[in-house]
Amino acid sequence: MKAGIVNVTGYAGLELARLLLHHPTVELTQVTGRSAVGQRLSEFFPHLGETDLIIQADIEEPVDVAFSALPHKASAAAAVPLLESGAKVIDISADFRLKDVGVYEEWYQVTHPAPQLLQEAVYGLPELHREEIVKARLIANPGCYPTSAILALAPVADIIEPDVVVDSKSGISGAGRTLALTTHYAEVNESCQAYSLKGHRHLPEMLQEVNGARRKVLGGNDEIAMTFVPHLVPMTRGIHSDCYSRLTVSMSARQLRERYRDFYRNAPFVRVVEQPPQTKHTWGSNYCVIHPTIDERTNRLVVLSCIDNLVKGAAGQAVQNMNLIMGLDETLGIDASPIYP
């Protein structure tokens, strides 16, 4: 099976290359990256020394599956000719995640280049949409913050009050490789900062999916409202999301965790644990580690969720989606344990 990566020079594209080069049934045949056209991938990124691929300007030969790791708007434009060529496409940008083109254009401040594909695209969170993913040809790979928050809230979407708070911390790699003062070492090291307090672009994605899970059980239009506060912390990888609400039913913390284990009983990459997780418990892996509990003093639901933002939050989840749409074992090539410490 032949695969190509559009924009291999970003962090998500690089992580895809690392995973695909060792995938047992995939041959990575083409990679693009306009800033490094003509250079050997192994020379531009020495940690990928096992490949002799040359970085191209475009995908020139047919592939079975293509991954687009371009920024939003450019990614959707690149996806159209790939789909027309017969390739299945997994888009790592935000271009196909939101079903409402108006919501997309409001939050991303661009005109969508391929709105005709929005209803066809499947939101690529296998734990919620596995059956649709298997039949799809266009996958909208979820964002990193939404992956951690949606997986934390989906099992209780129908039994929480409609006022939800998500407090997340992310490593610096989530900001990408583009240089900026806000991710400069001297500005970030030994510091923690909140940002996007007026609204983060991942918020509508979280609301779309959590409310979708809520409507699936309850029906109607009783939707949740969410306050989302992201933070930048001085580490390379990882997302730690703390989600808060109140339950509308009475249950113990033990019963709550059993509910989560039952919900994710067929989800090989979600681990429901007894102790609060750390981002280190997911480093380099495709796992999401979740600890749901109840603050008995306030009867408040507290769910802690950790992922590696470049793996389960991007490239690993993209490979998981590829495995599903190509009829392979879901865990193939991405089942390695986290690196610890």
C-alpha atoms as a PDB file:
ATOM      1  CA  MET A   1       0.000   0.000   0.000  1.00  0.00           C
ATOM      2  CA  LYS A   2       1.508   3.319  -1.110  1.00  0.00           C
ATOM      3  CA  ALA A   3       1.238   6.453   1.016  1.00  0.00           C
ATOM      4  CA  GLY A   4       2.201  10.078   0.569  1.00  0.00           C
ATOM      5  CA  ILE A   5       2.591  12.980   2.995  1.00  0.00           C
ATOM      6  CA  VAL A   6       1.834  16.548   1.966  1.00  0.00           C
ATOM      7  CA  ASN A   7       4.043  18.908   4.016  1.00  0.00           C
ATOM      8  CA  VAL A   8       6.385  16.531   5.772  1.00  0.00           C
ATOM      9  CA  THR A   9       8.445  19.393   7.201  1.00  0.00           C
ATOM     10  CA  GLY A  10       6.015  20.299  10.014  1.00  0.00           C
ATOM     11  CA  TYR A  11       5.948  18.462  13.334  1.00  0.00           C
ATOM     12  CA  ALA A  12       2.834  16.450  12.451  1.00  0.00           C
ATOM     13  CA  GLY A  13       4.253  15.530   9.040  1.00  0.00           C
ATOM     14  CA  LEU A  14       7.531  14.460  10.590  1.00  0.00           C
ATOM     15  CA  GLU A  15       5.764  12.287  13.141  1.00  0.00           C
ATOM     16  CA  LEU A  16       3.743  10.713  10.322  1.00  0.00           C
ATOM     17  CA  ALA A  17       6.939   9.906   8.440  1.00  0.00           C
ATOM     18  CA  ARG A  18       8.458   8.327  11.547  1.00  0.00           C
ATOM     19  CA  LEU A  19       5.425   6.092  12.042  1.00  0.00           C
ATOM     20  CA  LEU A  20       4.829   5.182   8.387  1.00  0.00           C
ATOM     21  CA  LEU A  21       8.462   4.278   7.713  1.00  0.00           C
ATOM     22  CA  HIS A  22       8.039   1.427  10.212  1.00  0.00           C
ATOM     23  CA  HIS A  23       4.458   0.451   9.361  1.00  0.00           C
ATOM     24  CA  PRO A  24       4.385  -3.235   8.352  1.00  0.00           C
ATOM     25  CA  THR A  25       2.005  -2.892   5.380  1.00  0.00           C
ATOM     26  CA  VAL A  26       2.633   0.648   4.106  1.00  0.00           C
ATOM     27  CA  GLU A  27       5.312   1.999   1.799  1.00  0.00           C
ATOM     28  CA  LEU A  28       5.875   5.727   2.154  1.00  0.00           C
ATOM     29  CA  THR A  29       6.636   6.626  -1.459  1.00  0.00           C
ATOM     30  CA  GLN A  30       6.359  10.429  -1.631  1.00  0.00           C
ATOM     31  CA  VAL A  31       6.713  13.392   0.694  1.00  0.00           C
ATOM     32  CA  THR A  32       6.341  17.087  -0.059  1.00  0.00           C
ATOM     33  CA  GLY A  33       7.629  20.225   1.598  1.00  0.00           C
ATOM     34  CA  ARG A  34       8.074  23.429  -0.353  1.00  0.00           C
ATOM     35  CA  SER A  35      10.761  24.811   1.959  1.00  0.00           C
ATOM     36  CA  ALA A  36      13.010  21.801   1.311  1.00  0.00           C
ATOM     37  CA  VAL A  37      12.237  20.664  -2.261  1.00  0.00           C
ATOM     38  CA  GLY A  38      14.998  18.551  -3.746  1.00  0.00           C
ATOM     39  CA  GLN A  39      16.631  17.645  -0.452  1.00  0.00           C
ATOM     40  CA  ARG A  40      16.854  14.171   0.966  1.00  0.00           C
ATOM     41  CA  LEU A  41      14.450  13.648   3.837  1.00  0.00           C
ATOM     42  CA  SER A  42      17.171  11.848   5.785  1.00  0.00           C
ATOM     43  CA  GLU A  43      19.570  14.785   5.393  1.00  0.00           C
ATOM     44  CA  PHE A  44      17.033  17.458   6.253  1.00  0.00           C
ATOM     45  CA  PHE A  45      15.897  15.405   9.270  1.00  0.00           C
ATOM     46  CA  PRO A  46      18.726  13.043  10.293  1.00  0.00           C
ATOM     47  CA  HIS A  47      16.526  11.129  12.755  1.00  0.00           C
ATOM     48  CA  LEU A  48      14.813   9.650   9.662  1.00  0.00           C
ATOM     49  CA  GLY A  49      18.067   8.222   8.383  1.00  0.00           C
ATOM     50  CA  GLU A  50      16.519   4.949   7.201  1.00  0.00           C
ATOM     51  CA  THR A  51      14.887   6.523   4.102  1.00  0.00           C
ATOM     52  CA  ASP A  52      16.271   7.767   0.787  1.00  0.00           C
ATOM     53  CA  LEU A  53      13.119   9.745  -0.119  1.00  0.00           C
ATOM     54  CA  ILE A  54      13.571  13.105  -1.847  1.00  0.00           C
ATOM     55  CA  ILE A  55      11.296  15.935  -0.700  1.00  0.00           C
ATOM     56  CA  GLN A  56       9.084  16.965  -3.633  1.00  0.00           C
ATOM     57  CA  ALA A  57       6.951  20.020  -4.408  1.00  0.00           C
ATOM     58  CA  ASP A  58       3.818  17.932  -5.024  1.00  0.00           C
ATOM     59  CA  ILE A  59       2.512  14.355  -4.914  1.00  0.00           C
ATOM     60  CA  GLU A  60       3.328  13.326  -8.492  1.00  0.00           C
ATOM     61  CA  GLU A  61       2.508   9.608  -8.664  1.00  0.00           C
ATOM     62  CA  PRO A  62      -0.687   7.808  -7.570  1.00  0.00           C
ATOM     63  CA  VAL A  63      -0.936   6.751  -3.929  1.00  0.00           C
ATOM     64  CA  ASP A  64      -3.524   4.695  -2.071  1.00  0.00           C
ATOM     65  CA  VAL A  65      -3.697   7.081   0.852  1.00  0.00           C
ATOM     66  CA  ALA A  66      -2.497  10.644   1.284  1.00  0.00           C
ATOM     67  CA  PHE A  67      -2.010  12.615   4.479  1.00  0.00           C
ATOM     68  CA  SER A  68      -2.292  16.391   4.286  1.00  0.00           C
ATOM     69  CA  ALA A  69      -0.413  18.212   7.034  1.00  0.00           C
ATOM     70  CA  LEU A  70      -0.692  21.693   5.546  1.00  0.00           C
ATOM     71  CA  PRO A  71      -2.162  24.665   7.434  1.00  0.00           C
ATOM     72  CA  HIS A  72      -5.905  25.256   7.224  1.00  0.00           C
ATOM     73  CA  LYS A  73      -7.311  26.418   3.866  1.00  0.00           C
ATOM     74  CA  ALA A  74      -4.206  25.210   1.998  1.00  0.00           C
ATOM     75  CA  SER A  75      -4.892  21.691   3.226  1.00  0.00           C
ATOM     76  CA  ALA A  76      -8.429  21.532   1.839  1.00  0.00           C
ATOM     77  CA  ALA A  77      -7.252  22.880  -1.504  1.00  0.00           C
ATOM     78  CA  ALA A  78      -4.593  20.158  -1.665  1.00  0.00           C
ATOM     79  CA  ALA A  79      -7.095  17.447  -0.721  1.00  0.00           C
ATOM     80  CA  VAL A  80      -9.364  17.991  -3.722  1.00  0.00           C
ATOM     81  CA  PRO A  81      -6.991  16.783  -6.494  1.00  0.00           C
ATOM     82  CA  LEU A  82      -5.833  13.906  -4.299  1.00  0.00           C
ATOM     83  CA  LEU A  83      -9.417  12.707  -3.901  1.00  0.00           C
ATOM     84  CA  GLU A  84      -9.980  13.119  -7.631  1.00  0.00           C
ATOM     85  CA  SER A  85      -6.953  10.915  -8.287  1.00  0.00           C
ATOM     86  CA  GLY A  86      -8.622   8.100  -6.334  1.00  0.00           C
ATOM     87  CA  ALA A  87      -6.590   8.394  -3.132  1.00  0.00           C
ATOM     88  CA  LYS A  88      -8.174   8.263   0.277  1.00  0.00           C
ATOM     89  CA  VAL A  89      -7.274  11.427   2.161  1.00  0.00           C
ATOM     90  CA  ILE A  90      -6.636  12.038   5.842  1.00  0.00           C
ATOM     91  CA  ASP A  91      -6.532  15.763   6.554  1.00  0.00           C
ATOM     92  CA  ILE A  92      -4.656  16.753   9.704  1.00  0.00           C
ATOM     93  CA  SER A  93      -5.691  20.410   9.462  1.00  0.00           C
ATOM     94  CA  ALA A  94      -8.984  21.843  10.713  1.00  0.00           C
ATOM     95  CA  ASP A  95     -10.505  22.204   7.240  1.00  0.00           C
ATOM     96  CA  PHE A  96     -13.020  19.353   7.353  1.00  0.00           C
ATOM     97  CA  ARG A  97     -13.677  18.985  11.079  1.00  0.00           C
ATOM     98  CA  LEU A  98     -16.617  21.388  11.362  1.00  0.00           C
ATOM     99  CA  LYS A  99     -19.808  20.509   9.515  1.00  0.00           C
ATOM    100  CA  ASP A 100     -21.123  24.075   9.429  1.00  0.00           C
ATOM    101  CA  VAL A 101     -19.177  26.136   6.873  1.00  0.00           C
ATOM    102  CA  GLY A 102     -20.341  29.333   8.559  1.00  0.00           C
ATOM    103  CA  VAL A 103     -18.865  28.241  11.890  1.00  0.00           C
ATOM    104  CA  TYR A 104     -15.601  27.293  10.153  1.00  0.00           C
ATOM    105  CA  GLU A 105     -15.316  30.638   8.384  1.00  0.00           C
ATOM    106  CA  GLU A 106     -16.171  32.538  11.577  1.00  0.00           C
ATOM    107  CA  TRP A 107     -13.461  30.861  13.638  1.00  0.00           C
ATOM    108  CA  TYR A 108     -10.751  30.523  10.979  1.00  0.00           C
ATOM    109  CA  GLN A 109     -11.408  33.809   9.192  1.00  0.00           C
ATOM    110  CA  VAL A 110     -11.009  32.327   5.688  1.00  0.00           C
ATOM    111  CA  THR A 111     -13.370  31.252   2.928  1.00  0.00           C
ATOM    112  CA  HIS A 112     -13.537  27.468   2.786  1.00  0.00           C
ATOM    113  CA  PRO A 113     -12.038  26.248  -0.507  1.00  0.00           C
ATOM    114  CA  ALA A 114     -14.061  23.003  -0.690  1.00  0.00           C
ATOM    115  CA  PRO A 115     -17.340  23.365   1.251  1.00  0.00           C
ATOM    116  CA  GLN A 116     -18.959  20.687  -0.931  1.00  0.00           C
ATOM    117  CA  LEU A 117     -16.881  18.084   0.916  1.00  0.00           C
ATOM    118  CA  LEU A 118     -17.830  19.048   4.477  1.00  0.00           C
ATOM    119  CA  GLN A 119     -20.809  16.735   4.791  1.00  0.00           C
ATOM    120  CA  GLU A 120     -18.903  13.817   3.273  1.00  0.00           C
ATOM    121  CA  ALA A 121     -15.874  14.143   5.549  1.00  0.00           C
ATOM    122  CA  VAL A 122     -15.915  11.923   8.640  1.00  0.00           C
ATOM    123  CA  TYR A 123     -14.615  13.247  11.949  1.00  0.00           C
ATOM    124  CA  GLY A 124     -11.713  10.910  12.620  1.00  0.00           C
ATOM    125  CA  LEU A 125     -12.102  10.035  16.277  1.00  0.00           C
ATOM    126  CA  PRO A 126     -12.352   6.228  16.082  1.00  0.00           C
ATOM    127  CA  GLU A 127     -13.689   5.875  19.605  1.00  0.00           C
ATOM    128  CA  LEU A 128     -16.854   7.712  18.507  1.00  0.00           C
ATOM    129  CA  HIS A 129     -17.021   7.252  14.728  1.00  0.00           C
ATOM    130  CA  ARG A 130     -15.390   3.931  13.899  1.00  0.00           C
ATOM    131  CA  GLU A 131     -18.244   2.652  11.715  1.00  0.00           C
ATOM    132  CA  GLU A 132     -18.313   5.797   9.577  1.00  0.00           C
ATOM    133  CA  ILE A 133     -14.510   5.925   9.293  1.00  0.00           C
ATOM    134  CA  VAL A 134     -14.340   2.415   7.851  1.00  0.00           C
ATOM    135  CA  LYS A 135     -16.545   3.492   4.920  1.00  0.00           C
ATOM    136  CA  ALA A 136     -14.974   6.911   4.308  1.00  0.00           C
ATOM    137  CA  ARG A 137     -12.616   8.304   1.701  1.00  0.00           C
ATOM    138  CA  LEU A 138     -12.034  11.653   3.464  1.00  0.00           C
ATOM    139  CA  ILE A 139     -11.127  11.819   7.137  1.00  0.00           C
ATOM    140  CA  ALA A 140     -10.956  14.997   9.217  1.00  0.00           C
ATOM    141  CA  ASN A 141      -8.296  14.175  11.774  1.00  0.00           C
ATOM    142  CA  PRO A 142      -9.265  15.753  15.131  1.00  0.00           C
ATOM    143  CA  GLY A 143      -7.327  18.520  16.813  1.00  0.00           C
ATOM    144  CA  CYS A 144      -5.079  17.721  19.752  1.00  0.00           C
ATOM    145  CA  TYR A 145      -6.985  19.637  22.442  1.00  0.00           C
ATOM    146  CA  PRO A 146     -10.345  18.269  21.233  1.00  0.00           C
ATOM    147  CA  THR A 147      -9.054  14.688  21.249  1.00  0.00           C
ATOM    148  CA  SER A 148      -8.162  14.911  24.932  1.00  0.00           C
ATOM    149  CA  ALA A 149     -11.339  16.761  25.943  1.00  0.00           C
ATOM    150  CA  ILE A 150     -13.862  14.840  23.839  1.00  0.00           C
ATOM    151  CA  LEU A 151     -12.551  11.471  25.015  1.00  0.00           C
ATOM    152  CA  ALA A 152     -12.771  12.757  28.594  1.00  0.00           C
ATOM    153  CA  LEU A 153     -16.381  13.934  28.281  1.00  0.00           C
ATOM    154  CA  ALA A 154     -18.089  11.615  25.773  1.00  0.00           C
ATOM    155  CA  PRO A 155     -18.904   8.814  28.261  1.00  0.00           C
ATOM    156  CA  VAL A 156     -20.832  11.242  30.491  1.00  0.00           C
ATOM    157  CA  ALA A 157     -22.157  13.673  27.858  1.00  0.00           C
ATOM    158  CA  ASP A 158     -25.728  12.615  28.645  1.00  0.00           C
ATOM    159  CA  ILE A 159     -25.469  12.801  32.452  1.00  0.00           C
ATOM    160  CA  ILE A 160     -23.733  16.138  33.021  1.00  0.00           C
ATOM    161  CA  GLU A 161     -25.191  19.566  33.557  1.00  0.00           C
ATOM    162  CA  PRO A 162     -24.832  21.834  30.522  1.00  0.00           C
ATOM    163  CA  ASP A 163     -22.094  23.976  32.096  1.00  0.00           C
ATOM    164  CA  VAL A 164     -18.660  22.487  31.387  1.00  0.00           C
ATOM    165  CA  VAL A 165     -15.140  23.787  31.969  1.00  0.00           C
ATOM    166  CA  VAL A 166     -12.108  22.388  30.131  1.00  0.00           C
ATOM    167  CA  ASP A 167      -8.695  23.514  31.385  1.00  0.00           C
ATOM    168  CA  SER A 168      -5.831  22.223  29.203  1.00  0.00           C
ATOM    169  CA  LYS A 169      -2.047  22.437  29.215  1.00  0.00           C
ATOM    170  CA  SER A 170      -0.021  21.771  26.070  1.00  0.00           C
ATOM    171  CA  GLY A 171       3.624  21.328  25.209  1.00  0.00           C
ATOM    172  CA  ILE A 172       5.357  23.734  22.823  1.00  0.00           C
ATOM    173  CA  SER A 173       5.266  21.407  19.807  1.00  0.00           C
ATOM    174  CA  GLY A 174       1.531  22.048  19.555  1.00  0.00           C
ATOM    175  CA  ALA A 175       2.372  25.515  18.217  1.00  0.00           C
ATOM    176  CA  GLY A 176       4.232  24.046  15.227  1.00  0.00           C
ATOM    177  CA  ARG A 177       7.718  24.750  13.856  1.00  0.00           C
ATOM    178  CA  THR A 178       7.109  28.333  12.750  1.00  0.00           C
ATOM    179  CA  LEU A 179       9.212  30.742  14.793  1.00  0.00           C
ATOM    180  CA  ALA A 180       7.345  33.109  17.106  1.00  0.00           C
ATOM    181  CA  LEU A 181       8.148  35.170  20.159  1.00  0.00           C
ATOM    182  CA  THR A 182       5.445  33.400  22.166  1.00  0.00           C
ATOM    183  CA  THR A 183       7.272  30.075  21.775  1.00  0.00           C
ATOM    184  CA  HIS A 184      10.806  31.463  22.122  1.00  0.00           C
ATOM    185  CA  TYR A 185      12.786  29.442  24.691  1.00  0.00           C
ATOM    186  CA  ALA A 186      13.501  32.402  26.956  1.00  0.00           C
ATOM    187  CA  GLU A 187       9.824  33.381  26.961  1.00  0.00           C
ATOM    188  CA  VAL A 188       8.436  29.897  27.653  1.00  0.00           C
ATOM    189  CA  ASN A 189      11.003  28.223  29.884  1.00  0.00           C
ATOM    190  CA  GLU A 190      10.085  28.141  33.589  1.00  0.00           C
ATOM    191  CA  SER A 191       6.726  29.715  32.822  1.00  0.00           C
ATOM    192  CA  CYS A 192       3.075  28.837  32.271  1.00  0.00           C
ATOM    193  CA  GLN A 193       0.685  31.015  30.319  1.00  0.00           C
ATOM    194  CA  ALA A 194      -2.966  30.936  29.360  1.00  0.00           C
ATOM    195  CA  TYR A 195      -3.960  32.143  25.909  1.00  0.00           C
ATOM    196  CA  SER A 196      -6.952  32.530  23.575  1.00  0.00           C
ATOM    197  CA  LEU A 197      -9.192  33.570  26.466  1.00  0.00           C
ATOM    198  CA  LYS A 198     -11.706  35.113  24.045  1.00  0.00           C
ATOM    199  CA  GLY A 199     -12.096  31.767  22.315  1.00  0.00           C
ATOM    200  CA  HIS A 200      -9.819  29.087  20.907  1.00  0.00           C
ATOM    201  CA  ARG A 201     -10.423  27.647  17.428  1.00  0.00           C
ATOM    202  CA  HIS A 202     -10.727  24.146  18.876  1.00  0.00           C
ATOM    203  CA  LEU A 203     -13.743  25.085  21.001  1.00  0.00           C
ATOM    204  CA  PRO A 204     -16.430  24.627  18.279  1.00  0.00           C
ATOM    205  CA  GLU A 205     -14.933  21.247  17.453  1.00  0.00           C
ATOM    206  CA  MET A 206     -15.281  20.125  21.070  1.00  0.00           C
ATOM    207  CA  LEU A 207     -18.856  21.402  21.251  1.00  0.00           C
ATOM    208  CA  GLN A 208     -19.825  19.720  17.981  1.00  0.00           C
ATOM    209  CA  GLU A 209     -18.648  16.304  19.139  1.00  0.00           C
ATOM    210  CA  VAL A 210     -19.624  16.382  22.817  1.00  0.00           C
ATOM    211  CA  ASN A 211     -23.084  17.715  21.955  1.00  0.00           C
ATOM    212  CA  GLY A 212     -23.339  15.071  19.245  1.00  0.00           C
ATOM    213  CA  ALA A 213     -22.674  12.381  21.852  1.00  0.00           C
ATOM    214  CA  ARG A 214     -25.237  14.042  24.132  1.00  0.00           C
ATOM    215  CA  ARG A 215     -27.947  14.173  21.457  1.00  0.00           C
ATOM    216  CA  LYS A 216     -27.291  10.570  20.512  1.00  0.00           C
ATOM    217  CA  VAL A 217     -28.646   9.515  23.910  1.00  0.00           C
ATOM    218  CA  LEU A 218     -30.944  12.347  24.983  1.00  0.00           C
ATOM    219  CA  GLY A 219     -32.150  13.692  21.647  1.00  0.00           C
ATOM    220  CA  GLY A 220     -33.527  17.211  21.490  1.00  0.00           C
ATOM    221  CA  ASN A 221     -31.559  20.439  21.637  1.00  0.00           C
ATOM    222  CA  ASP A 222     -30.342  20.432  25.239  1.00  0.00           C
ATOM    223  CA  GLU A 223     -26.754  21.363  24.443  1.00  0.00           C
ATOM    224  CA  ILE A 224     -23.878  22.036  26.782  1.00  0.00           C
ATOM    225  CA  ALA A 225     -22.008  25.328  27.039  1.00  0.00           C
ATOM    226  CA  MET A 226     -18.257  25.097  27.467  1.00  0.00           C
ATOM    227  CA  THR A 227     -15.521  27.339  28.807  1.00  0.00           C
ATOM    228  CA  PHE A 228     -12.171  26.273  27.361  1.00  0.00           C
ATOM    229  CA  VAL A 229      -8.896  27.722  28.661  1.00  0.00           C
ATOM    230  CA  PRO A 230      -5.693  26.440  27.015  1.00  0.00           C
ATOM    231  CA  HIS A 231      -2.235  26.937  28.531  1.00  0.00           C
ATOM    232  CA  LEU A 232       1.295  26.679  27.193  1.00  0.00           C
ATOM    233  CA  VAL A 233       3.750  24.893  29.485  1.00  0.00           C
ATOM    234  CA  PRO A 234       7.525  24.388  29.069  1.00  0.00           C
ATOM    235  CA  MET A 235       7.635  20.833  27.747  1.00  0.00           C
ATOM    236  CA  THR A 236       8.013  19.528  24.212  1.00  0.00           C
ATOM    237  CA  ARG A 237       5.109  17.065  23.984  1.00  0.00           C
ATOM    238  CA  GLY A 238       1.896  16.313  25.794  1.00  0.00           C
ATOM    239  CA  ILE A 239      -1.554  17.602  26.632  1.00  0.00           C
ATOM    240  CA  HIS A 240      -3.152  17.409  30.063  1.00  0.00           C
ATOM    241  CA  SER A 241      -6.856  18.326  30.090  1.00  0.00           C
ATOM    242  CA  ASP A 242      -8.878  18.787  33.270  1.00  0.00           C
ATOM    243  CA  CYS A 243     -12.635  18.712  32.633  1.00  0.00           C
ATOM    244  CA  TYR A 244     -15.235  19.824  35.187  1.00  0.00           C
ATOM    245  CA  SER A 245     -19.018  19.670  35.416  1.00  0.00           C
ATOM    246  CA  ARG A 246     -21.736  18.347  37.719  1.00  0.00           C
ATOM    247  CA  LEU A 247     -23.484  15.026  37.283  1.00  0.00           C
ATOM    248  CA  THR A 248     -27.257  14.867  36.950  1.00  0.00           C
ATOM    249  CA  VAL A 249     -27.307  11.395  38.523  1.00  0.00           C
ATOM    250  CA  SER A 250     -25.887  10.007  41.727  1.00  0.00           C
ATOM    251  CA  MET A 251     -22.971   7.589  41.531  1.00  0.00           C
ATOM    252  CA  SER A 252     -19.710   6.768  43.252  1.00  0.00           C
ATOM    253  CA  ALA A 253     -16.266   7.337  41.765  1.00  0.00           C
ATOM    254  CA  ARG A 254     -15.967   3.561  41.332  1.00  0.00           C
ATOM    255  CA  GLN A 255     -19.233   3.398  39.404  1.00  0.00           C
ATOM    256  CA  LEU A 256     -18.101   6.363  37.307  1.00  0.00           C
ATOM    257  CA  ARG A 257     -14.883   4.606  36.293  1.00  0.00           C
ATOM    258  CA  GLU A 258     -16.817   1.450  35.447  1.00  0.00           C
ATOM    259  CA  ARG A 259     -19.021   3.551  33.176  1.00  0.00           C
ATOM    260  CA  TYR A 260     -15.911   4.808  31.386  1.00  0.00           C
ATOM    261  CA  ARG A 261     -14.422   1.328  31.068  1.00  0.00           C
ATOM    262  CA  ASP A 262     -17.659   0.037  29.603  1.00  0.00           C
ATOM    263  CA  PHE A 263     -17.862   2.949  27.152  1.00  0.00           C
ATOM    264  CA  TYR A 264     -14.299   2.301  25.951  1.00  0.00           C
ATOM    265  CA  ARG A 265     -14.330  -1.487  26.143  1.00  0.00           C
ATOM    266  CA  ASN A 266     -13.621  -1.722  22.379  1.00  0.00           C
ATOM    267  CA  ALA A 267     -11.205   1.209  22.244  1.00  0.00           C
ATOM    268  CA  PRO A 268      -7.643  -0.178  22.215  1.00  0.00           C
ATOM    269  CA  PHE A 269      -5.990   3.213  22.721  1.00  0.00           C
ATOM    270  CA  VAL A 270      -7.988   4.511  25.692  1.00  0.00           C
ATOM    271  CA  ARG A 271      -6.887   3.512  29.168  1.00  0.00           C
ATOM    272  CA  VAL A 272      -9.087   4.304  32.171  1.00  0.00           C
ATOM    273  CA  VAL A 273      -6.835   4.370  35.235  1.00  0.00           C
ATOM    274  CA  GLU A 274      -7.241   4.484  38.995  1.00  0.00           C
ATOM    275  CA  GLN A 275      -4.651   7.205  39.639  1.00  0.00           C
ATOM    276  CA  PRO A 276      -4.253  10.696  38.149  1.00  0.00           C
ATOM    277  CA  PRO A 277      -2.189  10.361  34.946  1.00  0.00           C
ATOM    278  CA  GLN A 278       0.804  12.369  33.781  1.00  0.00           C
ATOM    279  CA  THR A 279       1.661  13.453  30.252  1.00  0.00           C
ATOM    280  CA  LYS A 280       4.768  11.262  30.583  1.00  0.00           C
ATOM    281  CA  HIS A 281       2.433   8.258  30.702  1.00  0.00           C
ATOM    282  CA  THR A 282       1.583   8.856  27.023  1.00  0.00           C
ATOM    283  CA  TRP A 283       4.860  10.253  25.631  1.00  0.00           C
ATOM    284  CA  GLY A 284       5.526   8.963  22.118  1.00  0.00           C
ATOM    285  CA  SER A 285       2.429   6.737  22.100  1.00  0.00           C
ATOM    286  CA  ASN A 286      -1.070   6.705  20.613  1.00  0.00           C
ATOM    287  CA  TYR A 287      -2.728   6.197  23.996  1.00  0.00           C
ATOM    288  CA  CYS A 288      -5.140   8.467  25.823  1.00  0.00           C
ATOM    289  CA  VAL A 289      -5.040   7.917  29.579  1.00  0.00           C
ATOM    290  CA  ILE A 290      -8.143   9.009  31.492  1.00  0.00           C
ATOM    291  CA  HIS A 291      -8.883   9.274  35.207  1.00  0.00           C
ATOM    292  CA  PRO A 292     -12.513  10.146  36.006  1.00  0.00           C
ATOM    293  CA  THR A 293     -13.455  10.888  39.602  1.00  0.00           C
ATOM    294  CA  ILE A 294     -15.885  12.869  41.768  1.00  0.00           C
ATOM    295  CA  ASP A 295     -15.035  15.619  44.220  1.00  0.00           C
ATOM    296  CA  GLU A 296     -17.257  14.430  47.079  1.00  0.00           C
ATOM    297  CA  ARG A 297     -17.160  17.806  48.869  1.00  0.00           C
ATOM    298  CA  THR A 298     -18.795  19.583  45.950  1.00  0.00           C
ATOM    299  CA  ASN A 299     -20.295  16.616  44.044  1.00  0.00           C
ATOM    300  CA  ARG A 300     -18.396  17.828  40.995  1.00  0.00           C
ATOM    301  CA  LEU A 301     -17.220  15.599  38.175  1.00  0.00           C
ATOM    302  CA  VAL A 302     -13.466  15.824  37.546  1.00  0.00           C
ATOM    303  CA  VAL A 303     -11.970  14.052  34.535  1.00  0.00           C
ATOM    304  CA  LEU A 304      -8.235  14.116  33.832  1.00  0.00           C
ATOM    305  CA  SER A 305      -7.101  13.212  30.326  1.00  0.00           C
ATOM    306  CA  CYS A 306      -3.558  12.936  28.922  1.00  0.00           C
ATOM    307  CA  ILE A 307      -2.290  12.409  25.370  1.00  0.00           C
ATOM    308  CA  ASP A 308       0.825  13.004  23.309  1.00  0.00           C
ATOM    309  CA  ASN A 309      -0.295  15.900  21.114  1.00  0.00           C
ATOM    310  CA  LEU A 310       1.837  14.745  18.155  1.00  0.00           C
ATOM    311  CA  VAL A 311       0.701  11.102  18.253  1.00  0.00           C
ATOM    312  CA  LYS A 312      -2.873  10.552  19.487  1.00  0.00           C
ATOM    313  CA  GLY A 313      -3.369  14.277  18.946  1.00  0.00           C
ATOM    314  CA  ALA A 314      -2.169  14.198  15.321  1.00  0.00           C
ATOM    315  CA  ALA A 315      -0.017  11.656  13.450  1.00  0.00           C
ATOM    316  CA  GLY A 316      -0.761   8.504  15.440  1.00  0.00           C
ATOM    317  CA  GLN A 317      -4.491   9.081  15.220  1.00  0.00           C
ATOM    318  CA  ALA A 318      -4.075   9.686  11.468  1.00  0.00           C
ATOM    319  CA  VAL A 319      -2.404   6.284  11.110  1.00  0.00           C
ATOM    320  CA  GLN A 320      -5.151   4.743  13.262  1.00  0.00           C
ATOM    321  CA  ASN A 321      -7.684   6.211  10.823  1.00  0.00           C
ATOM    322  CA  MET A 322      -5.677   4.955   7.851  1.00  0.00           C
ATOM    323  CA  ASN A 323      -5.683   1.446   9.297  1.00  0.00           C
ATOM    324  CA  LEU A 324      -9.463   1.569   9.578  1.00  0.00           C
ATOM    325  CA  ILE A 325     -10.228   2.960   6.123  1.00  0.00           C
ATOM    326  CA  MET A 326      -7.819   0.500   4.494  1.00  0.00           C
ATOM    327  CA  GLY A 327      -9.302  -2.519   6.303  1.00  0.00           C
ATOM    328  CA  LEU A 328      -6.287  -3.167   8.528  1.00  0.00           C
ATOM    329  CA  ASP A 329      -6.027  -3.922  12.219  1.00  0.00           C
ATOM    330  CA  GLU A 330      -6.683  -0.620  13.988  1.00  0.00           C
ATOM    331  CA  THR A 331      -3.534  -0.863  16.097  1.00  0.00           C
ATOM    332  CA  LEU A 332      -1.106  -1.821  13.323  1.00  0.00           C
ATOM    333  CA  GLY A 333       2.155   0.100  13.493  1.00  0.00           C
ATOM    334  CA  ILE A 334       1.109   2.349  16.411  1.00  0.00           C
ATOM    335  CA  ASP A 335       0.755  -0.014  19.369  1.00  0.00           C
ATOM    336  CA  ALA A 336       4.125   0.785  21.002  1.00  0.00           C
ATOM    337  CA  SER A 337       4.083   1.548  24.700  1.00  0.00           C
ATOM    338  CA  PRO A 338       4.861   5.077  25.889  1.00  0.00           C
ATOM    339  CA  ILE A 339       8.484   6.094  26.488  1.00  0.00           C
ATOM    340  CA  TYR A 340       9.115   6.559  30.195  1.00  0.00           C
ATOM    341  CA  PRO A 341      10.565   8.463  31.938  1.00  0.00           C
END
